[in-house]
Amino acid sequence: MHERTIELLRHLDDGRRALRAALDAIPPERRDARPDRGGWSAANILSHLARTEGQVAAFLQRMLRRALADAPLPPAPAAVPVLASFDADLVLDRTKKVEAPDFATPDVAMAADEAWSALERARARLRQVLLAGDGLDTSSLRQAHFLFGELTFEQWIAFVGLHERRHTAQLDALR
């Protein structure tokens, strides 16, 4: 497995463990209730993450399939850390409020357990897409992010992990 794939899988797995710990720290009976001060409930946060990750997995899968249908991608170059190529502070800084785009707004009818299951399905798909591109030079596969500009295939996966960490902090604040 290519070092960048290993880096991204570790990044995703570490973030998911932290998210699960933050969720587990919220009593189950409070996970579906919106906070008194307003904002999203734990269930809303999980639903938002599931929708976002599912959308990212879907368009990365489409990009990779189209690229491979045109011609084989060359082997990936020597490892350059992916996370170092992305300004994590842009995502993690919660002092700057970001309005979720329509496709990523939470399903307010979704309970926390259901949202967690949807998030797990989205992660499985994202991992599958990442592994399908393992060892290939995916640097030509790019898509614009509405805030961060053009991101590469691997930067999008790094973004997903950072985005999850941003919302892990939001879950922590619900305790």
N, C-alpha and C. Protein backbone atom coordinates (compact mmCIF):
# COMPACT_ATOMS: atom_id res chain seq x y z
N MET A 1 0.85 -1.17 0.00
CA MET A 1 0.00 0.00 0.00
C MET A 1 0.90 1.24 0.00
N HIS A 2 0.52 2.23 -0.80
CA HIS A 2 1.29 3.47 -0.91
C HIS A 2 1.26 4.23 0.42
N GLU A 3 2.36 4.93 0.71
CA GLU A 3 2.45 5.65 1.99
C GLU A 3 1.34 6.70 2.15
N ARG A 4 0.93 7.33 1.06
CA ARG A 4 -0.13 8.34 1.17
C ARG A 4 -1.47 7.70 1.51
N THR A 5 -1.71 6.52 0.98
CA THR A 5 -2.94 5.81 1.32
C THR A 5 -2.92 5.45 2.80
N ILE A 6 -1.80 4.97 3.28
CA ILE A 6 -1.66 4.64 4.70
C ILE A 6 -1.87 5.89 5.56
N GLU A 7 -1.27 7.00 5.16
CA GLU A 7 -1.43 8.27 5.89
C GLU A 7 -2.92 8.66 5.98
N LEU A 8 -3.61 8.58 4.85
CA LEU A 8 -5.01 9.00 4.83
C LEU A 8 -5.91 8.04 5.60
N LEU A 9 -5.66 6.75 5.50
CA LEU A 9 -6.44 5.79 6.27
C LEU A 9 -6.25 6.01 7.77
N ARG A 10 -5.02 6.25 8.18
CA ARG A 10 -4.73 6.51 9.60
C ARG A 10 -5.44 7.79 10.05
N HIS A 11 -5.37 8.82 9.21
CA HIS A 11 -6.03 10.10 9.50
C HIS A 11 -7.54 9.90 9.68
N LEU A 12 -8.16 9.16 8.77
CA LEU A 12 -9.59 8.90 8.87
C LEU A 12 -9.94 8.06 10.10
N ASP A 13 -9.15 7.03 10.35
CA ASP A 13 -9.42 6.15 11.49
C ASP A 13 -9.24 6.88 12.82
N ASP A 14 -8.19 7.69 12.94
CA ASP A 14 -7.97 8.45 14.18
C ASP A 14 -9.12 9.42 14.43
N GLY A 15 -9.54 10.09 13.38
CA GLY A 15 -10.65 11.03 13.52
C GLY A 15 -11.95 10.33 13.90
N ARG A 16 -12.19 9.16 13.33
CA ARG A 16 -13.43 8.44 13.63
C ARG A 16 -13.45 7.97 15.08
N ARG A 17 -12.29 7.53 15.58
CA ARG A 17 -12.24 7.12 16.99
C ARG A 17 -12.56 8.30 17.91
N ALA A 18 -12.01 9.46 17.58
CA ALA A 18 -12.26 10.66 18.39
C ALA A 18 -13.74 11.06 18.32
N LEU A 19 -14.33 10.97 17.14
CA LEU A 19 -15.75 11.29 16.98
C LEU A 19 -16.60 10.35 17.82
N ARG A 20 -16.29 9.05 17.76
CA ARG A 20 -17.06 8.07 18.53
C ARG A 20 -16.95 8.35 20.02
N ALA A 21 -15.75 8.68 20.48
CA ALA A 21 -15.56 8.99 21.90
C ALA A 21 -16.37 10.22 22.30
N ALA A 22 -16.39 11.23 21.44
CA ALA A 22 -17.16 12.44 21.73
C ALA A 22 -18.65 12.12 21.77
N LEU A 23 -19.11 11.29 20.86
CA LEU A 23 -20.52 10.90 20.86
C LEU A 23 -20.86 10.09 22.10
N ASP A 24 -19.99 9.16 22.46
CA ASP A 24 -20.24 8.31 23.62
C ASP A 24 -20.28 9.11 24.92
N ALA A 25 -19.65 10.28 24.94
CA ALA A 25 -19.65 11.12 26.14
C ALA A 25 -20.97 11.88 26.32
N ILE A 26 -21.82 11.86 25.29
CA ILE A 26 -23.13 12.50 25.37
C ILE A 26 -24.14 11.42 25.75
N PRO A 27 -24.90 11.64 26.80
CA PRO A 27 -25.89 10.62 27.19
C PRO A 27 -26.84 10.33 26.02
N PRO A 28 -27.15 9.06 25.78
CA PRO A 28 -28.01 8.69 24.65
C PRO A 28 -29.34 9.46 24.60
N GLU A 29 -29.92 9.75 25.73
CA GLU A 29 -31.20 10.45 25.75
C GLU A 29 -31.08 11.92 25.32
N ARG A 30 -29.85 12.45 25.22
CA ARG A 30 -29.66 13.85 24.81
C ARG A 30 -29.15 13.98 23.37
N ARG A 31 -28.86 12.88 22.71
CA ARG A 31 -28.24 12.94 21.39
C ARG A 31 -29.16 13.46 20.29
N ASP A 32 -30.45 13.30 20.45
CA ASP A 32 -31.39 13.74 19.42
C ASP A 32 -31.97 15.12 19.70
N ALA A 33 -31.72 15.66 20.88
CA ALA A 33 -32.29 16.95 21.28
C ALA A 33 -31.36 18.10 20.89
N ARG A 34 -31.95 19.13 20.32
CA ARG A 34 -31.17 20.33 20.00
C ARG A 34 -30.80 21.03 21.30
N PRO A 35 -29.63 21.63 21.36
CA PRO A 35 -29.23 22.34 22.58
C PRO A 35 -30.17 23.51 22.88
N ASP A 36 -30.33 23.82 24.15
CA ASP A 36 -31.19 24.94 24.56
C ASP A 36 -30.74 26.25 23.93
N ARG A 37 -29.46 26.42 23.74
CA ARG A 37 -28.91 27.66 23.20
C ARG A 37 -28.98 27.70 21.66
N GLY A 38 -29.59 26.68 21.07
CA GLY A 38 -29.70 26.62 19.62
C GLY A 38 -28.56 25.83 19.01
N GLY A 39 -28.59 25.70 17.72
CA GLY A 39 -27.57 24.93 17.02
C GLY A 39 -28.02 23.51 16.76
N TRP A 40 -27.09 22.71 16.30
CA TRP A 40 -27.39 21.33 15.92
C TRP A 40 -27.30 20.39 17.10
N SER A 41 -28.13 19.37 17.06
CA SER A 41 -28.03 18.27 18.02
C SER A 41 -26.90 17.34 17.57
N ALA A 42 -26.57 16.40 18.41
CA ALA A 42 -25.57 15.39 18.03
C ALA A 42 -26.05 14.64 16.79
N ALA A 43 -27.34 14.31 16.74
CA ALA A 43 -27.90 13.61 15.58
C ALA A 43 -27.76 14.47 14.32
N ASN A 44 -28.00 15.77 14.44
CA ASN A 44 -27.85 16.68 13.29
C ASN A 44 -26.41 16.71 12.81
N ILE A 45 -25.47 16.76 13.74
CA ILE A 45 -24.04 16.80 13.38
C ILE A 45 -23.67 15.52 12.62
N LEU A 46 -24.10 14.39 13.15
CA LEU A 46 -23.79 13.11 12.49
C LEU A 46 -24.44 13.02 11.11
N SER A 47 -25.66 13.50 10.99
CA SER A 47 -26.35 13.49 9.70
C SER A 47 -25.60 14.38 8.70
N HIS A 48 -25.17 15.56 9.15
CA HIS A 48 -24.40 16.46 8.30
C HIS A 48 -23.10 15.79 7.84
N LEU A 49 -22.40 15.16 8.77
CA LEU A 49 -21.16 14.47 8.41
C LEU A 49 -21.42 13.35 7.41
N ALA A 50 -22.48 12.58 7.63
CA ALA A 50 -22.80 11.48 6.72
C ALA A 50 -23.11 11.99 5.32
N ARG A 51 -23.89 13.05 5.25
CA ARG A 51 -24.24 13.61 3.93
C ARG A 51 -23.00 14.15 3.23
N THR A 52 -22.17 14.87 3.96
CA THR A 52 -20.97 15.45 3.37
C THR A 52 -20.03 14.35 2.89
N GLU A 53 -19.74 13.40 3.75
CA GLU A 53 -18.82 12.33 3.39
C GLU A 53 -19.37 11.48 2.25
N GLY A 54 -20.66 11.25 2.26
CA GLY A 54 -21.28 10.49 1.17
C GLY A 54 -21.15 11.21 -0.16
N GLN A 55 -21.35 12.53 -0.16
CA GLN A 55 -21.21 13.31 -1.39
C GLN A 55 -19.77 13.30 -1.88
N VAL A 56 -18.83 13.48 -0.97
CA VAL A 56 -17.41 13.46 -1.36
C VAL A 56 -17.05 12.10 -1.93
N ALA A 57 -17.44 11.03 -1.28
CA ALA A 57 -17.14 9.69 -1.78
C ALA A 57 -17.72 9.48 -3.17
N ALA A 58 -18.94 9.96 -3.37
CA ALA A 58 -19.61 9.77 -4.67
C ALA A 58 -18.88 10.50 -5.79
N PHE A 59 -18.53 11.77 -5.58
CA PHE A 59 -17.89 12.47 -6.70
C PHE A 59 -16.44 12.04 -6.89
N LEU A 60 -15.76 11.63 -5.83
CA LEU A 60 -14.40 11.09 -6.02
C LEU A 60 -14.46 9.78 -6.79
N GLN A 61 -15.44 8.96 -6.49
CA GLN A 61 -15.61 7.70 -7.20
C GLN A 61 -15.88 7.95 -8.68
N ARG A 62 -16.76 8.91 -8.98
CA ARG A 62 -17.04 9.26 -10.38
C ARG A 62 -15.79 9.76 -11.09
N MET A 63 -15.04 10.65 -10.44
CA MET A 63 -13.82 11.19 -11.05
C MET A 63 -12.82 10.08 -11.34
N LEU A 64 -12.62 9.20 -10.38
CA LEU A 64 -11.66 8.12 -10.55
C LEU A 64 -12.10 7.17 -11.66
N ARG A 65 -13.36 6.82 -11.69
CA ARG A 65 -13.87 5.92 -12.74
C ARG A 65 -13.69 6.53 -14.12
N ARG A 66 -14.04 7.83 -14.25
CA ARG A 66 -13.88 8.50 -15.55
C ARG A 66 -12.42 8.52 -15.97
N ALA A 67 -11.54 8.84 -15.04
CA ALA A 67 -10.11 8.90 -15.36
C ALA A 67 -9.60 7.54 -15.79
N LEU A 68 -9.99 6.50 -15.09
CA LEU A 68 -9.52 5.15 -15.43
C LEU A 68 -10.15 4.63 -16.72
N ALA A 69 -11.32 5.13 -17.06
CA ALA A 69 -11.95 4.72 -18.32
C ALA A 69 -11.23 5.34 -19.50
N ASP A 70 -10.67 6.53 -19.31
CA ASP A 70 -9.95 7.22 -20.39
C ASP A 70 -8.59 6.57 -20.66
N ALA A 71 -7.86 6.30 -19.60
CA ALA A 71 -6.52 5.71 -19.72
C ALA A 71 -6.05 5.36 -18.31
N PRO A 72 -5.13 4.42 -18.22
CA PRO A 72 -4.62 4.10 -16.88
C PRO A 72 -3.89 5.31 -16.29
N LEU A 73 -4.05 5.51 -15.00
CA LEU A 73 -3.29 6.57 -14.33
C LEU A 73 -1.88 6.05 -14.07
N PRO A 74 -0.89 6.93 -14.15
CA PRO A 74 0.48 6.48 -13.86
C PRO A 74 0.64 6.15 -12.38
N PRO A 75 1.72 5.47 -12.05
CA PRO A 75 1.98 5.18 -10.63
C PRO A 75 2.18 6.48 -9.85
N ALA A 76 1.80 6.43 -8.59
CA ALA A 76 1.97 7.59 -7.72
C ALA A 76 3.46 7.87 -7.52
N PRO A 77 3.82 9.13 -7.46
CA PRO A 77 5.23 9.46 -7.20
C PRO A 77 5.59 9.14 -5.75
N ALA A 78 6.84 9.35 -5.42
CA ALA A 78 7.29 9.13 -4.05
C ALA A 78 6.41 9.92 -3.09
N ALA A 79 6.29 9.40 -1.91
CA ALA A 79 5.35 9.97 -0.94
C ALA A 79 5.73 11.38 -0.51
N VAL A 80 4.76 12.24 -0.63
CA VAL A 80 4.80 13.58 -0.04
C VAL A 80 3.56 13.61 0.84
N PRO A 81 3.71 13.92 2.12
CA PRO A 81 2.54 13.86 3.00
C PRO A 81 1.36 14.70 2.49
N VAL A 82 0.20 14.11 2.47
CA VAL A 82 -0.99 14.79 1.98
C VAL A 82 -1.45 15.85 2.98
N LEU A 83 -1.45 15.49 4.25
CA LEU A 83 -1.95 16.43 5.26
C LEU A 83 -1.13 17.72 5.30
N ALA A 84 0.14 17.63 4.98
CA ALA A 84 0.98 18.83 4.96
C ALA A 84 0.63 19.75 3.80
N SER A 85 -0.09 19.23 2.81
CA SER A 85 -0.44 20.04 1.64
C SER A 85 -1.77 20.78 1.82
N PHE A 86 -2.37 20.64 2.98
CA PHE A 86 -3.70 21.21 3.21
C PHE A 86 -3.64 22.02 4.51
N ASP A 87 -4.15 23.23 4.48
CA ASP A 87 -4.15 24.09 5.67
C ASP A 87 -5.28 23.64 6.60
N ALA A 88 -4.93 22.81 7.56
CA ALA A 88 -5.93 22.24 8.47
C ALA A 88 -6.66 23.32 9.26
N ASP A 89 -5.97 24.40 9.59
CA ASP A 89 -6.60 25.46 10.39
C ASP A 89 -7.81 26.07 9.69
N LEU A 90 -7.81 26.06 8.37
CA LEU A 90 -8.96 26.59 7.64
C LEU A 90 -10.23 25.81 7.95
N VAL A 91 -10.06 24.51 8.18
CA VAL A 91 -11.21 23.66 8.47
C VAL A 91 -11.50 23.62 9.97
N LEU A 92 -10.46 23.54 10.76
CA LEU A 92 -10.63 23.32 12.19
C LEU A 92 -11.04 24.56 12.98
N ASP A 93 -10.81 25.73 12.43
CA ASP A 93 -11.12 26.99 13.14
C ASP A 93 -12.63 27.18 13.25
N ARG A 94 -13.17 26.89 14.43
CA ARG A 94 -14.61 27.00 14.64
C ARG A 94 -15.05 28.40 15.01
N THR A 95 -14.11 29.35 15.09
CA THR A 95 -14.51 30.73 15.35
C THR A 95 -15.16 31.35 14.11
N LYS A 96 -14.89 30.75 12.97
CA LYS A 96 -15.49 31.20 11.72
C LYS A 96 -16.67 30.29 11.39
N LYS A 97 -17.86 30.83 11.53
CA LYS A 97 -19.06 30.04 11.25
C LYS A 97 -19.16 29.80 9.74
N VAL A 98 -19.49 28.58 9.38
CA VAL A 98 -19.66 28.20 7.98
C VAL A 98 -21.07 27.64 7.82
N GLU A 99 -21.78 28.18 6.87
CA GLU A 99 -23.13 27.68 6.58
C GLU A 99 -23.01 26.47 5.66
N ALA A 100 -23.58 25.36 6.07
CA ALA A 100 -23.51 24.14 5.25
C ALA A 100 -24.28 24.35 3.95
N PRO A 101 -23.71 23.89 2.83
CA PRO A 101 -24.47 23.96 1.57
C PRO A 101 -25.70 23.06 1.66
N ASP A 102 -26.65 23.31 0.78
CA ASP A 102 -27.92 22.57 0.83
C ASP A 102 -27.73 21.06 0.86
N PHE A 103 -26.80 20.53 0.05
CA PHE A 103 -26.64 19.08 -0.01
C PHE A 103 -26.13 18.49 1.30
N ALA A 104 -25.58 19.34 2.17
CA ALA A 104 -24.99 18.84 3.41
C ALA A 104 -25.78 19.22 4.66
N THR A 105 -26.93 19.85 4.47
CA THR A 105 -27.72 20.18 5.66
C THR A 105 -28.24 18.89 6.28
N PRO A 106 -28.30 18.86 7.60
CA PRO A 106 -28.71 17.63 8.26
C PRO A 106 -30.17 17.27 7.98
N ASP A 107 -30.41 15.98 7.99
CA ASP A 107 -31.78 15.47 7.96
C ASP A 107 -32.28 15.55 9.40
N VAL A 108 -33.10 16.54 9.69
CA VAL A 108 -33.51 16.79 11.07
C VAL A 108 -34.41 15.68 11.62
N ALA A 109 -34.94 14.84 10.77
CA ALA A 109 -35.78 13.72 11.23
C ALA A 109 -34.94 12.50 11.61
N MET A 110 -33.65 12.53 11.32
CA MET A 110 -32.79 11.38 11.55
C MET A 110 -32.32 11.34 13.00
N ALA A 111 -32.51 10.21 13.64
CA ALA A 111 -32.03 10.00 15.01
C ALA A 111 -30.53 9.73 14.99
N ALA A 112 -29.89 9.91 16.13
CA ALA A 112 -28.44 9.76 16.22
C ALA A 112 -27.97 8.38 15.78
N ASP A 113 -28.64 7.32 16.21
CA ASP A 113 -28.22 5.96 15.83
C ASP A 113 -28.31 5.75 14.32
N GLU A 114 -29.37 6.25 13.74
CA GLU A 114 -29.55 6.14 12.29
C GLU A 114 -28.49 6.97 11.55
N ALA A 115 -28.20 8.16 12.07
CA ALA A 115 -27.18 9.02 11.45
C ALA A 115 -25.80 8.38 11.56
N TRP A 116 -25.52 7.75 12.70
CA TRP A 116 -24.23 7.06 12.86
C TRP A 116 -24.10 5.94 11.82
N SER A 117 -25.16 5.18 11.62
CA SER A 117 -25.13 4.11 10.61
C SER A 117 -24.90 4.67 9.21
N ALA A 118 -25.54 5.78 8.90
CA ALA A 118 -25.34 6.42 7.59
C ALA A 118 -23.90 6.90 7.45
N LEU A 119 -23.34 7.40 8.53
CA LEU A 119 -21.94 7.86 8.51
C LEU A 119 -20.99 6.69 8.31
N GLU A 120 -21.27 5.58 8.93
CA GLU A 120 -20.44 4.39 8.75
C GLU A 120 -20.50 3.88 7.30
N ARG A 121 -21.68 3.93 6.69
CA ARG A 121 -21.81 3.52 5.28
C ARG A 121 -21.03 4.47 4.37
N ALA A 122 -21.10 5.76 4.66
CA ALA A 122 -20.36 6.74 3.86
C ALA A 122 -18.86 6.51 3.99
N ARG A 123 -18.40 6.18 5.21
CA ARG A 123 -16.97 5.93 5.42
C ARG A 123 -16.52 4.69 4.66
N ALA A 124 -17.33 3.66 4.66
CA ALA A 124 -16.97 2.44 3.93
C ALA A 124 -16.80 2.75 2.44
N ARG A 125 -17.68 3.56 1.91
CA ARG A 125 -17.58 3.94 0.49
C ARG A 125 -16.34 4.79 0.23
N LEU A 126 -16.06 5.74 1.14
CA LEU A 126 -14.88 6.58 0.97
C LEU A 126 -13.60 5.74 1.02
N ARG A 127 -13.53 4.81 1.95
CA ARG A 127 -12.36 3.93 2.04
C ARG A 127 -12.19 3.11 0.75
N GLN A 128 -13.31 2.63 0.23
CA GLN A 128 -13.29 1.85 -1.01
C GLN A 128 -12.72 2.69 -2.15
N VAL A 129 -13.13 3.94 -2.23
CA VAL A 129 -12.65 4.84 -3.29
C VAL A 129 -11.15 5.12 -3.09
N LEU A 130 -10.76 5.39 -1.86
CA LEU A 130 -9.34 5.64 -1.58
C LEU A 130 -8.50 4.43 -1.98
N LEU A 131 -8.95 3.26 -1.62
CA LEU A 131 -8.19 2.04 -1.96
C LEU A 131 -8.18 1.77 -3.46
N ALA A 132 -9.23 2.18 -4.17
CA ALA A 132 -9.25 2.01 -5.63
C ALA A 132 -8.19 2.89 -6.30
N GLY A 133 -7.83 3.99 -5.65
CA GLY A 133 -6.80 4.88 -6.20
C GLY A 133 -5.43 4.63 -5.61
N ASP A 134 -5.30 3.63 -4.76
CA ASP A 134 -4.02 3.35 -4.09
C ASP A 134 -2.91 3.11 -5.11
N GLY A 135 -1.82 3.82 -4.93
CA GLY A 135 -0.65 3.63 -5.77
C GLY A 135 -0.73 4.33 -7.12
N LEU A 136 -1.84 5.04 -7.37
CA LEU A 136 -2.00 5.74 -8.65
C LEU A 136 -1.78 7.24 -8.44
N ASP A 137 -1.29 7.89 -9.47
CA ASP A 137 -1.10 9.34 -9.42
C ASP A 137 -2.46 9.99 -9.70
N THR A 138 -3.13 10.38 -8.64
CA THR A 138 -4.47 10.98 -8.75
C THR A 138 -4.41 12.51 -8.71
N SER A 139 -3.21 13.07 -8.83
CA SER A 139 -3.05 14.52 -8.69
C SER A 139 -3.81 15.32 -9.75
N SER A 140 -4.11 14.71 -10.87
CA SER A 140 -4.86 15.42 -11.92
C SER A 140 -6.36 15.43 -11.65
N LEU A 141 -6.80 14.66 -10.68
CA LEU A 141 -8.23 14.59 -10.34
C LEU A 141 -8.51 15.68 -9.32
N ARG A 142 -9.19 16.72 -9.75
CA ARG A 142 -9.43 17.89 -8.90
C ARG A 142 -10.88 18.32 -8.96
N GLN A 143 -11.32 18.90 -7.87
CA GLN A 143 -12.69 19.39 -7.76
C GLN A 143 -12.66 20.61 -6.85
N ALA A 144 -13.42 21.62 -7.20
CA ALA A 144 -13.48 22.84 -6.38
C ALA A 144 -14.31 22.61 -5.12
N HIS A 145 -13.83 23.14 -4.03
CA HIS A 145 -14.57 23.20 -2.77
C HIS A 145 -15.11 24.62 -2.65
N PHE A 146 -16.31 24.78 -2.14
CA PHE A 146 -16.94 26.11 -2.13
C PHE A 146 -16.21 27.12 -1.26
N LEU A 147 -15.37 26.68 -0.32
CA LEU A 147 -14.59 27.60 0.51
C LEU A 147 -13.10 27.55 0.25
N PHE A 148 -12.58 26.37 -0.03
CA PHE A 148 -11.14 26.17 -0.06
C PHE A 148 -10.54 26.13 -1.45
N GLY A 149 -11.36 26.30 -2.47
CA GLY A 149 -10.86 26.27 -3.83
C GLY A 149 -10.64 24.85 -4.32
N GLU A 150 -9.80 24.72 -5.32
CA GLU A 150 -9.57 23.42 -5.96
C GLU A 150 -8.75 22.50 -5.05
N LEU A 151 -9.28 21.30 -4.85
CA LEU A 151 -8.60 20.28 -4.06
C LEU A 151 -8.35 19.06 -4.92
N THR A 152 -7.24 18.39 -4.65
CA THR A 152 -6.95 17.14 -5.34
C THR A 152 -7.77 16.01 -4.71
N PHE A 153 -7.78 14.89 -5.38
CA PHE A 153 -8.44 13.67 -4.90
C PHE A 153 -8.04 13.40 -3.45
N GLU A 154 -6.74 13.37 -3.18
CA GLU A 154 -6.26 13.05 -1.83
C GLU A 154 -6.54 14.18 -0.84
N GLN A 155 -6.48 15.43 -1.28
CA GLN A 155 -6.81 16.54 -0.39
C GLN A 155 -8.28 16.50 0.03
N TRP A 156 -9.15 16.04 -0.87
CA TRP A 156 -10.55 15.89 -0.50
C TRP A 156 -10.71 14.88 0.63
N ILE A 157 -9.95 13.81 0.57
CA ILE A 157 -10.04 12.79 1.63
C ILE A 157 -9.48 13.36 2.93
N ALA A 158 -8.39 14.12 2.83
CA ALA A 158 -7.85 14.79 4.02
C ALA A 158 -8.89 15.75 4.58
N PHE A 159 -9.58 16.48 3.70
CA PHE A 159 -10.63 17.40 4.15
C PHE A 159 -11.71 16.66 4.94
N VAL A 160 -12.14 15.51 4.46
CA VAL A 160 -13.19 14.75 5.16
C VAL A 160 -12.76 14.48 6.60
N GLY A 161 -11.53 14.03 6.78
CA GLY A 161 -11.04 13.76 8.14
C GLY A 161 -10.98 15.02 8.99
N LEU A 162 -10.53 16.12 8.41
CA LEU A 162 -10.45 17.39 9.16
C LEU A 162 -11.86 17.92 9.47
N HIS A 163 -12.75 17.80 8.52
CA HIS A 163 -14.13 18.22 8.72
C HIS A 163 -14.76 17.44 9.87
N GLU A 164 -14.47 16.16 9.92
CA GLU A 164 -14.98 15.34 11.02
C GLU A 164 -14.42 15.82 12.35
N ARG A 165 -13.14 16.19 12.37
CA ARG A 165 -12.52 16.70 13.61
C ARG A 165 -13.17 18.02 14.03
N ARG A 166 -13.49 18.86 13.05
CA ARG A 166 -14.17 20.12 13.37
C ARG A 166 -15.48 19.84 14.11
N HIS A 167 -16.22 18.87 13.62
CA HIS A 167 -17.51 18.56 14.23
C HIS A 167 -17.38 17.69 15.47
N THR A 168 -16.24 17.04 15.66
CA THR A 168 -15.97 16.35 16.92
C THR A 168 -15.89 17.40 18.03
N ALA A 169 -15.24 18.51 17.74
CA ALA A 169 -15.18 19.60 18.72
C ALA A 169 -16.58 20.14 19.02
N GLN A 170 -17.42 20.16 18.02
CA GLN A 170 -18.79 20.61 18.22
C GLN A 170 -19.55 19.63 19.12
N LEU A 171 -19.33 18.33 18.93
CA LEU A 171 -19.94 17.33 19.82
C LEU A 171 -19.42 17.50 21.24
N ASP A 172 -18.13 17.74 21.37
CA ASP A 172 -17.54 17.93 22.70
C ASP A 172 -18.23 19.07 23.44
N ALA A 173 -18.62 20.10 22.71
CA ALA A 173 -19.28 21.25 23.33
C ALA A 173 -20.71 20.94 23.77
N LEU A 174 -21.27 19.84 23.30
CA LEU A 174 -22.64 19.45 23.68
C LEU A 174 -22.69 18.69 25.00
N ARG A 175 -21.58 18.27 25.51
CA ARG A 175 -21.57 17.47 26.75
C ARG A 175 -22.16 18.21 27.91
